[in-house]
Amino acid sequence: MLYSLAAPAKRGPGDPACRSLLGGLKAQVRPNSVAPSNPDTGYNIGVRLIEDFLARSSVGRCHDFRETADVIAKVAFKMYLGITPSVTNWSPAGDEFSLILESNPLVDFVELPDNHSTLVYSNLLCGVLRGALEMVQMAVDVRFAQDTLRGDNVTEIRMKFIKRIEENLPAGDE
């Protein structure tokens, strides 16, 4: 199931839902911990977060992957992180795009030590997106292409549509 926005909810870092998300993420970060880089952590958050997103945003069904990309950028990121990434670098087939984050609140006040220079600190965002979209029957591949913590000018997340997930109802539940 794909969803679209009827009217954007006005939320940001001061909103209780946003503070709760950021607080939960920061609680998982301990010195010498790599928990934020684990996309499985993000996946589990995304699986739970989609219900809150759908309830708060009054979003309807999206008609295509482009509309889904706009909802992710203009509604979900704004609602939970207080930022609006740009959607760009579409593939010719229209099945892959980039989210460009000029700022990433997850990395504010974070510096990677030299021995963790390959760590993709915000990788849990990839898991959040993958988990949330899987709950609305969309399989996607999500990865970081650029990261400001590793010296890039912007943070770039690449998303590729893989397939629609068909719901398989158990026999007798049709």
N, C-alpha and C. Protein backbone atom coordinates (compact mmCIF):
# COMPACT_ATOMS: atom_id res chain seq x y z
N MET A 1 0.84 -1.16 0.00
CA MET A 1 0.00 0.00 0.00
C MET A 1 0.89 1.24 0.00
N LEU A 2 0.69 2.17 -0.89
CA LEU A 2 1.42 3.42 -0.92
C LEU A 2 0.50 4.51 -0.38
N TYR A 3 1.09 5.54 0.23
CA TYR A 3 0.27 6.57 0.82
C TYR A 3 0.68 7.94 0.34
N SER A 4 -0.24 8.89 0.38
CA SER A 4 -0.01 10.26 -0.04
C SER A 4 -0.50 11.22 1.03
N LEU A 5 -0.08 12.44 0.93
CA LEU A 5 -0.41 13.45 1.91
C LEU A 5 -1.66 14.23 1.52
N ALA A 6 -2.54 14.41 2.49
CA ALA A 6 -3.67 15.30 2.28
C ALA A 6 -3.26 16.71 2.71
N ALA A 7 -2.73 16.87 3.91
CA ALA A 7 -2.22 18.15 4.39
C ALA A 7 -1.09 17.85 5.37
N PRO A 8 0.07 18.50 5.21
CA PRO A 8 1.20 18.19 6.07
C PRO A 8 0.93 18.58 7.52
N ALA A 9 1.34 17.71 8.42
CA ALA A 9 1.25 18.01 9.84
C ALA A 9 2.43 18.90 10.20
N LYS A 10 2.20 19.88 11.04
CA LYS A 10 3.27 20.79 11.45
C LYS A 10 3.95 20.21 12.68
N ARG A 11 5.07 19.59 12.45
CA ARG A 11 5.81 18.99 13.55
C ARG A 11 7.28 19.32 13.35
N GLY A 12 8.04 19.22 14.38
CA GLY A 12 9.47 19.49 14.28
C GLY A 12 10.17 19.05 15.54
N PRO A 13 11.43 19.45 15.72
CA PRO A 13 12.20 18.99 16.87
C PRO A 13 11.58 19.30 18.21
N GLY A 14 10.72 20.34 18.32
CA GLY A 14 10.07 20.66 19.58
C GLY A 14 8.84 19.82 19.86
N ASP A 15 8.33 19.12 18.87
CA ASP A 15 7.13 18.31 19.03
C ASP A 15 7.42 17.10 19.91
N PRO A 16 6.48 16.72 20.80
CA PRO A 16 6.71 15.57 21.68
C PRO A 16 7.03 14.28 20.92
N ALA A 17 6.38 14.03 19.79
CA ALA A 17 6.66 12.80 19.03
C ALA A 17 8.08 12.82 18.49
N CYS A 18 8.52 13.97 18.03
CA CYS A 18 9.87 14.11 17.51
C CYS A 18 10.89 13.97 18.63
N ARG A 19 10.63 14.62 19.77
CA ARG A 19 11.55 14.51 20.90
C ARG A 19 11.64 13.06 21.36
N SER A 20 10.52 12.35 21.33
CA SER A 20 10.50 10.95 21.73
C SER A 20 11.36 10.11 20.80
N LEU A 21 11.25 10.34 19.48
CA LEU A 21 12.05 9.60 18.52
C LEU A 21 13.52 9.89 18.72
N LEU A 22 13.89 11.18 18.78
CA LEU A 22 15.30 11.54 18.95
C LEU A 22 15.82 11.06 20.29
N GLY A 23 15.00 11.17 21.34
CA GLY A 23 15.42 10.69 22.65
C GLY A 23 15.66 9.18 22.65
N GLY A 24 14.78 8.45 21.97
CA GLY A 24 14.95 7.00 21.88
C GLY A 24 16.21 6.63 21.13
N LEU A 25 16.52 7.38 20.10
CA LEU A 25 17.73 7.11 19.33
C LEU A 25 18.97 7.42 20.16
N LYS A 26 18.95 8.56 20.86
CA LYS A 26 20.11 8.93 21.67
C LYS A 26 20.30 7.95 22.83
N ALA A 27 19.21 7.40 23.34
CA ALA A 27 19.32 6.44 24.44
C ALA A 27 20.04 5.18 24.01
N GLN A 28 19.98 4.86 22.71
CA GLN A 28 20.65 3.67 22.22
C GLN A 28 22.14 3.90 22.00
N VAL A 29 22.57 5.15 21.99
CA VAL A 29 23.96 5.48 21.70
C VAL A 29 24.74 5.55 23.01
N ARG A 30 25.71 4.69 23.13
CA ARG A 30 26.59 4.67 24.29
C ARG A 30 28.02 4.77 23.78
N PRO A 31 28.93 5.26 24.59
CA PRO A 31 30.31 5.31 24.14
C PRO A 31 30.76 3.94 23.63
N ASN A 32 31.49 3.94 22.55
CA ASN A 32 32.01 2.72 21.92
C ASN A 32 30.92 1.81 21.38
N SER A 33 29.72 2.34 21.22
CA SER A 33 28.61 1.56 20.69
C SER A 33 28.43 1.86 19.21
N VAL A 34 28.04 0.86 18.42
CA VAL A 34 27.77 1.07 17.01
C VAL A 34 26.30 0.82 16.71
N ALA A 35 25.45 0.86 17.71
CA ALA A 35 24.02 0.60 17.52
C ALA A 35 23.38 1.47 16.46
N PRO A 36 23.69 2.78 16.38
CA PRO A 36 23.03 3.59 15.36
C PRO A 36 23.38 3.18 13.94
N SER A 37 24.51 2.53 13.75
CA SER A 37 24.91 2.15 12.40
C SER A 37 24.24 0.87 11.95
N ASN A 38 23.50 0.22 12.82
CA ASN A 38 22.87 -1.05 12.50
C ASN A 38 21.50 -0.80 11.87
N PRO A 39 21.35 -1.10 10.56
CA PRO A 39 20.05 -0.85 9.92
C PRO A 39 18.92 -1.69 10.49
N ASP A 40 19.23 -2.81 11.16
CA ASP A 40 18.17 -3.62 11.77
C ASP A 40 17.50 -2.87 12.92
N THR A 41 18.28 -2.08 13.65
CA THR A 41 17.70 -1.24 14.70
C THR A 41 16.69 -0.29 14.07
N GLY A 42 17.09 0.35 12.99
CA GLY A 42 16.19 1.26 12.29
C GLY A 42 14.98 0.56 11.73
N TYR A 43 15.17 -0.64 11.20
CA TYR A 43 14.07 -1.41 10.63
C TYR A 43 12.97 -1.60 11.68
N ASN A 44 13.36 -2.00 12.87
CA ASN A 44 12.38 -2.23 13.94
C ASN A 44 11.66 -0.94 14.32
N ILE A 45 12.38 0.17 14.31
CA ILE A 45 11.75 1.47 14.59
C ILE A 45 10.75 1.80 13.49
N GLY A 46 11.14 1.59 12.22
CA GLY A 46 10.26 1.89 11.09
C GLY A 46 8.98 1.07 11.10
N VAL A 47 9.10 -0.20 11.49
CA VAL A 47 7.93 -1.08 11.57
C VAL A 47 6.91 -0.51 12.56
N ARG A 48 7.40 0.06 13.65
CA ARG A 48 6.50 0.63 14.66
C ARG A 48 6.06 2.06 14.31
N LEU A 49 6.96 2.81 13.70
CA LEU A 49 6.71 4.22 13.45
C LEU A 49 5.66 4.47 12.37
N ILE A 50 5.49 3.54 11.45
CA ILE A 50 4.55 3.76 10.34
C ILE A 50 3.12 3.96 10.84
N GLU A 51 2.74 3.25 11.89
CA GLU A 51 1.38 3.42 12.42
C GLU A 51 1.19 4.84 12.95
N ASP A 52 2.17 5.34 13.68
CA ASP A 52 2.10 6.70 14.20
C ASP A 52 2.05 7.70 13.04
N PHE A 53 2.88 7.47 12.03
CA PHE A 53 2.92 8.36 10.88
C PHE A 53 1.57 8.42 10.17
N LEU A 54 0.99 7.28 9.90
CA LEU A 54 -0.29 7.24 9.20
C LEU A 54 -1.40 7.89 10.02
N ALA A 55 -1.39 7.68 11.34
CA ALA A 55 -2.41 8.27 12.20
C ALA A 55 -2.27 9.79 12.29
N ARG A 56 -1.06 10.29 12.39
CA ARG A 56 -0.83 11.73 12.57
C ARG A 56 -0.88 12.52 11.28
N SER A 57 -0.58 11.91 10.16
CA SER A 57 -0.41 12.68 8.93
C SER A 57 -1.64 12.74 8.04
N SER A 58 -2.65 11.94 8.30
CA SER A 58 -3.83 11.89 7.45
C SER A 58 -3.45 11.62 5.99
N VAL A 59 -2.51 10.73 5.80
CA VAL A 59 -2.01 10.40 4.47
C VAL A 59 -2.93 9.38 3.82
N GLY A 60 -3.12 9.54 2.52
CA GLY A 60 -3.89 8.58 1.73
C GLY A 60 -2.95 7.75 0.86
N ARG A 61 -3.51 6.93 0.04
CA ARG A 61 -2.73 6.02 -0.80
C ARG A 61 -1.96 6.79 -1.89
N CYS A 62 -0.67 6.49 -2.03
CA CYS A 62 0.14 7.08 -3.12
C CYS A 62 -0.14 6.31 -4.40
N HIS A 63 0.01 6.99 -5.52
CA HIS A 63 -0.25 6.36 -6.81
C HIS A 63 1.01 5.82 -7.47
N ASP A 64 2.17 6.33 -7.09
CA ASP A 64 3.41 5.86 -7.69
C ASP A 64 4.59 6.13 -6.75
N PHE A 65 5.77 5.67 -7.16
CA PHE A 65 6.97 5.80 -6.34
C PHE A 65 7.40 7.26 -6.18
N ARG A 66 7.14 8.08 -7.20
CA ARG A 66 7.48 9.51 -7.09
C ARG A 66 6.66 10.18 -5.99
N GLU A 67 5.40 9.86 -5.94
CA GLU A 67 4.55 10.43 -4.90
C GLU A 67 5.00 9.94 -3.52
N THR A 68 5.39 8.67 -3.43
CA THR A 68 5.90 8.12 -2.18
C THR A 68 7.15 8.88 -1.76
N ALA A 69 8.04 9.17 -2.70
CA ALA A 69 9.27 9.91 -2.39
C ALA A 69 8.94 11.29 -1.83
N ASP A 70 7.97 11.97 -2.42
CA ASP A 70 7.58 13.29 -1.94
C ASP A 70 7.01 13.24 -0.53
N VAL A 71 6.20 12.23 -0.24
CA VAL A 71 5.62 12.09 1.10
C VAL A 71 6.73 11.83 2.11
N ILE A 72 7.68 10.98 1.76
CA ILE A 72 8.79 10.70 2.67
C ILE A 72 9.55 11.99 2.98
N ALA A 73 9.90 12.73 1.94
CA ALA A 73 10.71 13.94 2.12
C ALA A 73 9.94 15.07 2.78
N LYS A 74 8.75 15.36 2.27
CA LYS A 74 8.02 16.55 2.70
C LYS A 74 7.19 16.35 3.96
N VAL A 75 6.86 15.11 4.27
CA VAL A 75 6.01 14.87 5.44
C VAL A 75 6.75 14.11 6.53
N ALA A 76 7.25 12.93 6.23
CA ALA A 76 7.85 12.08 7.26
C ALA A 76 9.11 12.70 7.86
N PHE A 77 10.04 13.13 7.03
CA PHE A 77 11.26 13.73 7.57
C PHE A 77 10.94 15.02 8.32
N LYS A 78 10.02 15.80 7.79
CA LYS A 78 9.63 17.05 8.47
C LYS A 78 8.96 16.74 9.80
N MET A 79 8.11 15.74 9.83
CA MET A 79 7.37 15.39 11.03
C MET A 79 8.28 14.88 12.14
N TYR A 80 9.22 14.03 11.81
CA TYR A 80 10.01 13.36 12.84
C TYR A 80 11.40 13.95 13.06
N LEU A 81 11.97 14.60 12.07
CA LEU A 81 13.32 15.15 12.24
C LEU A 81 13.38 16.66 12.04
N GLY A 82 12.26 17.26 11.61
CA GLY A 82 12.23 18.70 11.45
C GLY A 82 13.01 19.22 10.25
N ILE A 83 13.27 18.35 9.27
CA ILE A 83 13.99 18.75 8.06
C ILE A 83 13.20 18.31 6.83
N THR A 84 13.50 18.91 5.70
CA THR A 84 12.86 18.52 4.44
C THR A 84 13.95 18.26 3.41
N PRO A 85 14.32 17.00 3.24
CA PRO A 85 15.35 16.70 2.22
C PRO A 85 14.79 16.93 0.82
N SER A 86 15.69 17.16 -0.12
CA SER A 86 15.26 17.29 -1.51
C SER A 86 15.29 15.92 -2.17
N VAL A 87 14.35 15.70 -3.06
CA VAL A 87 14.26 14.45 -3.81
C VAL A 87 14.87 14.72 -5.17
N THR A 88 15.90 13.97 -5.53
CA THR A 88 16.64 14.25 -6.76
C THR A 88 17.29 12.98 -7.31
N ASN A 89 18.00 13.13 -8.40
CA ASN A 89 18.77 12.03 -9.02
C ASN A 89 17.91 10.81 -9.33
N TRP A 90 16.76 11.03 -9.95
CA TRP A 90 15.89 9.93 -10.34
C TRP A 90 16.56 9.09 -11.42
N SER A 91 16.42 7.79 -11.34
CA SER A 91 16.91 6.91 -12.40
C SER A 91 15.99 7.06 -13.61
N PRO A 92 16.48 6.73 -14.82
CA PRO A 92 15.62 6.82 -16.01
C PRO A 92 14.35 5.98 -15.90
N ALA A 93 14.43 4.85 -15.20
CA ALA A 93 13.27 3.98 -15.04
C ALA A 93 12.30 4.50 -13.99
N GLY A 94 12.71 5.50 -13.21
CA GLY A 94 11.84 6.05 -12.17
C GLY A 94 11.70 5.14 -10.97
N ASP A 95 12.65 4.23 -10.77
CA ASP A 95 12.56 3.30 -9.65
C ASP A 95 13.64 3.54 -8.59
N GLU A 96 14.40 4.63 -8.74
CA GLU A 96 15.45 4.92 -7.78
C GLU A 96 15.66 6.43 -7.71
N PHE A 97 15.90 6.94 -6.50
CA PHE A 97 16.11 8.37 -6.30
C PHE A 97 17.01 8.60 -5.11
N SER A 98 17.40 9.85 -4.93
CA SER A 98 18.20 10.25 -3.77
C SER A 98 17.43 11.22 -2.91
N LEU A 99 17.60 11.09 -1.61
CA LEU A 99 17.16 12.08 -0.65
C LEU A 99 18.42 12.82 -0.22
N ILE A 100 18.47 14.12 -0.46
CA ILE A 100 19.63 14.93 -0.09
C ILE A 100 19.28 15.72 1.17
N LEU A 101 20.01 15.44 2.24
CA LEU A 101 19.81 16.13 3.51
C LEU A 101 20.91 17.16 3.67
N GLU A 102 20.53 18.44 3.64
CA GLU A 102 21.52 19.51 3.85
C GLU A 102 22.01 19.48 5.29
N SER A 103 21.13 19.09 6.21
CA SER A 103 21.52 18.92 7.61
C SER A 103 20.89 17.64 8.12
N ASN A 104 21.55 17.01 9.06
CA ASN A 104 21.07 15.75 9.62
C ASN A 104 21.10 15.89 11.14
N PRO A 105 19.94 16.05 11.78
CA PRO A 105 19.92 16.24 13.24
C PRO A 105 20.47 15.05 14.02
N LEU A 106 20.55 13.89 13.41
CA LEU A 106 21.10 12.73 14.11
C LEU A 106 22.61 12.84 14.32
N VAL A 107 23.26 13.69 13.54
CA VAL A 107 24.72 13.80 13.66
C VAL A 107 25.16 15.10 14.31
N ASP A 108 24.21 15.92 14.76
CA ASP A 108 24.59 17.13 15.48
C ASP A 108 25.42 16.73 16.69
N PHE A 109 26.53 17.37 16.85
CA PHE A 109 27.43 17.15 17.99
C PHE A 109 28.07 15.76 17.99
N VAL A 110 28.17 15.14 16.82
CA VAL A 110 28.80 13.82 16.71
C VAL A 110 30.08 13.95 15.90
N GLU A 111 31.13 13.37 16.40
CA GLU A 111 32.38 13.25 15.65
C GLU A 111 32.78 11.79 15.71
N LEU A 112 33.16 11.25 14.56
CA LEU A 112 33.59 9.85 14.53
C LEU A 112 35.06 9.76 14.91
N PRO A 113 35.39 8.90 15.85
CA PRO A 113 36.81 8.70 16.15
C PRO A 113 37.50 8.04 14.96
N ASP A 114 38.80 8.22 14.87
CA ASP A 114 39.56 7.68 13.74
C ASP A 114 39.35 6.18 13.57
N ASN A 115 39.23 5.45 14.67
CA ASN A 115 39.08 3.99 14.56
C ASN A 115 37.67 3.58 14.13
N HIS A 116 36.75 4.54 13.94
CA HIS A 116 35.40 4.25 13.46
C HIS A 116 35.08 5.06 12.20
N SER A 117 36.08 5.40 11.43
CA SER A 117 35.89 6.29 10.29
C SER A 117 35.01 5.69 9.19
N THR A 118 34.85 4.38 9.16
CA THR A 118 34.00 3.75 8.15
C THR A 118 32.56 3.55 8.64
N LEU A 119 32.31 3.89 9.88
CA LEU A 119 30.98 3.74 10.45
C LEU A 119 29.99 4.68 9.77
N VAL A 120 28.86 4.15 9.33
CA VAL A 120 27.78 4.98 8.79
C VAL A 120 26.83 5.21 9.95
N TYR A 121 27.09 6.27 10.69
CA TYR A 121 26.42 6.54 11.96
C TYR A 121 24.91 6.61 11.83
N SER A 122 24.42 7.23 10.79
CA SER A 122 22.97 7.41 10.62
C SER A 122 22.33 6.30 9.81
N ASN A 123 22.98 5.16 9.71
CA ASN A 123 22.47 4.06 8.91
C ASN A 123 21.10 3.58 9.39
N LEU A 124 20.77 3.86 10.63
CA LEU A 124 19.47 3.43 11.10
C LEU A 124 18.34 4.12 10.34
N LEU A 125 18.60 5.31 9.74
CA LEU A 125 17.57 5.94 8.90
C LEU A 125 17.20 5.04 7.72
N CYS A 126 18.19 4.35 7.16
CA CYS A 126 17.92 3.42 6.06
C CYS A 126 16.99 2.31 6.55
N GLY A 127 17.26 1.80 7.73
CA GLY A 127 16.41 0.76 8.29
C GLY A 127 15.01 1.25 8.59
N VAL A 128 14.89 2.48 9.11
CA VAL A 128 13.57 3.06 9.40
C VAL A 128 12.75 3.13 8.12
N LEU A 129 13.35 3.64 7.06
CA LEU A 129 12.64 3.76 5.78
C LEU A 129 12.25 2.39 5.24
N ARG A 130 13.18 1.44 5.28
CA ARG A 130 12.90 0.10 4.77
C ARG A 130 11.79 -0.57 5.58
N GLY A 131 11.86 -0.47 6.91
CA GLY A 131 10.85 -1.10 7.76
C GLY A 131 9.47 -0.48 7.59
N ALA A 132 9.41 0.84 7.53
CA ALA A 132 8.11 1.52 7.38
C ALA A 132 7.48 1.19 6.03
N LEU A 133 8.27 1.23 4.97
CA LEU A 133 7.71 0.95 3.64
C LEU A 133 7.32 -0.51 3.48
N GLU A 134 8.04 -1.40 4.15
CA GLU A 134 7.65 -2.81 4.08
C GLU A 134 6.28 -3.03 4.72
N MET A 135 5.96 -2.26 5.74
CA MET A 135 4.66 -2.39 6.40
C MET A 135 3.52 -1.91 5.52
N VAL A 136 3.83 -1.13 4.49
CA VAL A 136 2.80 -0.69 3.53
C VAL A 136 3.02 -1.38 2.19
N GLN A 137 3.54 -2.61 2.25
CA GLN A 137 3.70 -3.52 1.11
C GLN A 137 4.62 -3.00 0.00
N MET A 138 5.74 -2.40 0.40
CA MET A 138 6.70 -1.94 -0.59
C MET A 138 8.11 -2.38 -0.17
N ALA A 139 8.75 -3.19 -0.99
CA ALA A 139 10.13 -3.59 -0.73
C ALA A 139 11.06 -2.60 -1.40
N VAL A 140 12.00 -2.04 -0.62
CA VAL A 140 12.95 -1.07 -1.15
C VAL A 140 14.35 -1.41 -0.65
N ASP A 141 15.33 -0.97 -1.41
CA ASP A 141 16.72 -1.03 -0.98
C ASP A 141 17.10 0.39 -0.61
N VAL A 142 17.64 0.58 0.57
CA VAL A 142 18.00 1.92 1.04
C VAL A 142 19.44 1.89 1.53
N ARG A 143 20.24 2.86 1.07
CA ARG A 143 21.65 2.90 1.48
C ARG A 143 22.15 4.33 1.47
N PHE A 144 23.22 4.57 2.20
CA PHE A 144 23.87 5.87 2.20
C PHE A 144 24.83 5.95 1.03
N ALA A 145 24.76 7.03 0.27
CA ALA A 145 25.70 7.27 -0.82
C ALA A 145 26.74 8.30 -0.39
N GLN A 146 26.34 9.27 0.45
CA GLN A 146 27.24 10.28 0.97
C GLN A 146 26.87 10.55 2.43
N ASP A 147 27.86 10.97 3.20
CA ASP A 147 27.62 11.24 4.62
C ASP A 147 28.53 12.37 5.08
N THR A 148 27.94 13.41 5.67
CA THR A 148 28.74 14.55 6.13
C THR A 148 29.74 14.15 7.21
N LEU A 149 29.41 13.12 7.99
CA LEU A 149 30.35 12.66 9.02
C LEU A 149 31.62 12.06 8.42
N ARG A 150 31.54 11.65 7.17
CA ARG A 150 32.71 11.07 6.51
C ARG A 150 33.34 12.07 5.54
N GLY A 151 32.99 13.35 5.69
CA GLY A 151 33.64 14.40 4.91
C GLY A 151 32.91 14.84 3.66
N ASP A 152 31.77 14.27 3.35
CA ASP A 152 31.00 14.69 2.19
C ASP A 152 30.28 16.01 2.50
N ASN A 153 29.92 16.76 1.46
CA ASN A 153 29.25 18.05 1.65
C ASN A 153 27.81 17.91 2.12
N VAL A 154 27.15 16.83 1.73
CA VAL A 154 25.75 16.58 2.09
C VAL A 154 25.60 15.12 2.51
N THR A 155 24.46 14.83 3.07
CA THR A 155 24.09 13.44 3.34
C THR A 155 23.14 13.02 2.24
N GLU A 156 23.45 11.91 1.58
CA GLU A 156 22.62 11.41 0.49
C GLU A 156 22.19 9.98 0.79
N ILE A 157 20.90 9.77 0.77
CA ILE A 157 20.33 8.43 0.94
C ILE A 157 19.74 8.00 -0.39
N ARG A 158 20.16 6.86 -0.91
CA ARG A 158 19.62 6.32 -2.17
C ARG A 158 18.54 5.31 -1.83
N MET A 159 17.41 5.43 -2.52
CA MET A 159 16.30 4.49 -2.34
C MET A 159 15.95 3.89 -3.68
N LYS A 160 15.84 2.56 -3.72
CA LYS A 160 15.49 1.86 -4.95
C LYS A 160 14.27 0.97 -4.68
N PHE A 161 13.26 1.14 -5.52
CA PHE A 161 12.07 0.30 -5.45
C PHE A 161 12.43 -1.09 -5.94
N ILE A 162 12.09 -2.12 -5.16
CA ILE A 162 12.37 -3.50 -5.57
C ILE A 162 11.10 -4.17 -6.08
N LYS A 163 10.05 -4.17 -5.24
CA LYS A 163 8.79 -4.80 -5.66
C LYS A 163 7.68 -4.45 -4.69
N ARG A 164 6.45 -4.66 -5.14
CA ARG A 164 5.28 -4.59 -4.28
C ARG A 164 5.18 -5.92 -3.54
N ILE A 165 4.89 -5.86 -2.28
CA ILE A 165 4.77 -7.06 -1.48
C ILE A 165 3.29 -7.45 -1.44
N GLU A 166 3.01 -8.64 -1.89
CA GLU A 166 1.64 -9.13 -1.87
C GLU A 166 1.30 -9.67 -0.49
N GLU A 167 0.13 -9.31 0.00
CA GLU A 167 -0.31 -9.85 1.29
C GLU A 167 -0.77 -11.28 1.09
N ASN A 168 -0.22 -12.18 1.85
CA ASN A 168 -0.63 -13.57 1.82
C ASN A 168 -1.47 -13.86 3.07
N LEU A 169 -2.76 -13.97 2.87
CA LEU A 169 -3.63 -14.26 3.99
C LEU A 169 -3.66 -15.75 4.24
N PRO A 170 -3.68 -16.16 5.50
CA PRO A 170 -3.79 -17.57 5.81
C PRO A 170 -5.10 -18.14 5.27
N ALA A 171 -5.11 -19.43 4.97
CA ALA A 171 -6.31 -20.08 4.46
C ALA A 171 -7.47 -19.84 5.41
N GLY A 172 -8.61 -19.42 4.87
CA GLY A 172 -9.79 -19.17 5.68
C GLY A 172 -9.92 -17.74 6.15
N ASP A 173 -8.88 -16.91 5.97
CA ASP A 173 -8.93 -15.50 6.41
C ASP A 173 -9.20 -14.56 5.25
N GLU A 174 -9.74 -15.01 4.19
CA GLU A 174 -9.93 -14.18 3.01
C GLU A 174 -11.12 -13.28 3.11
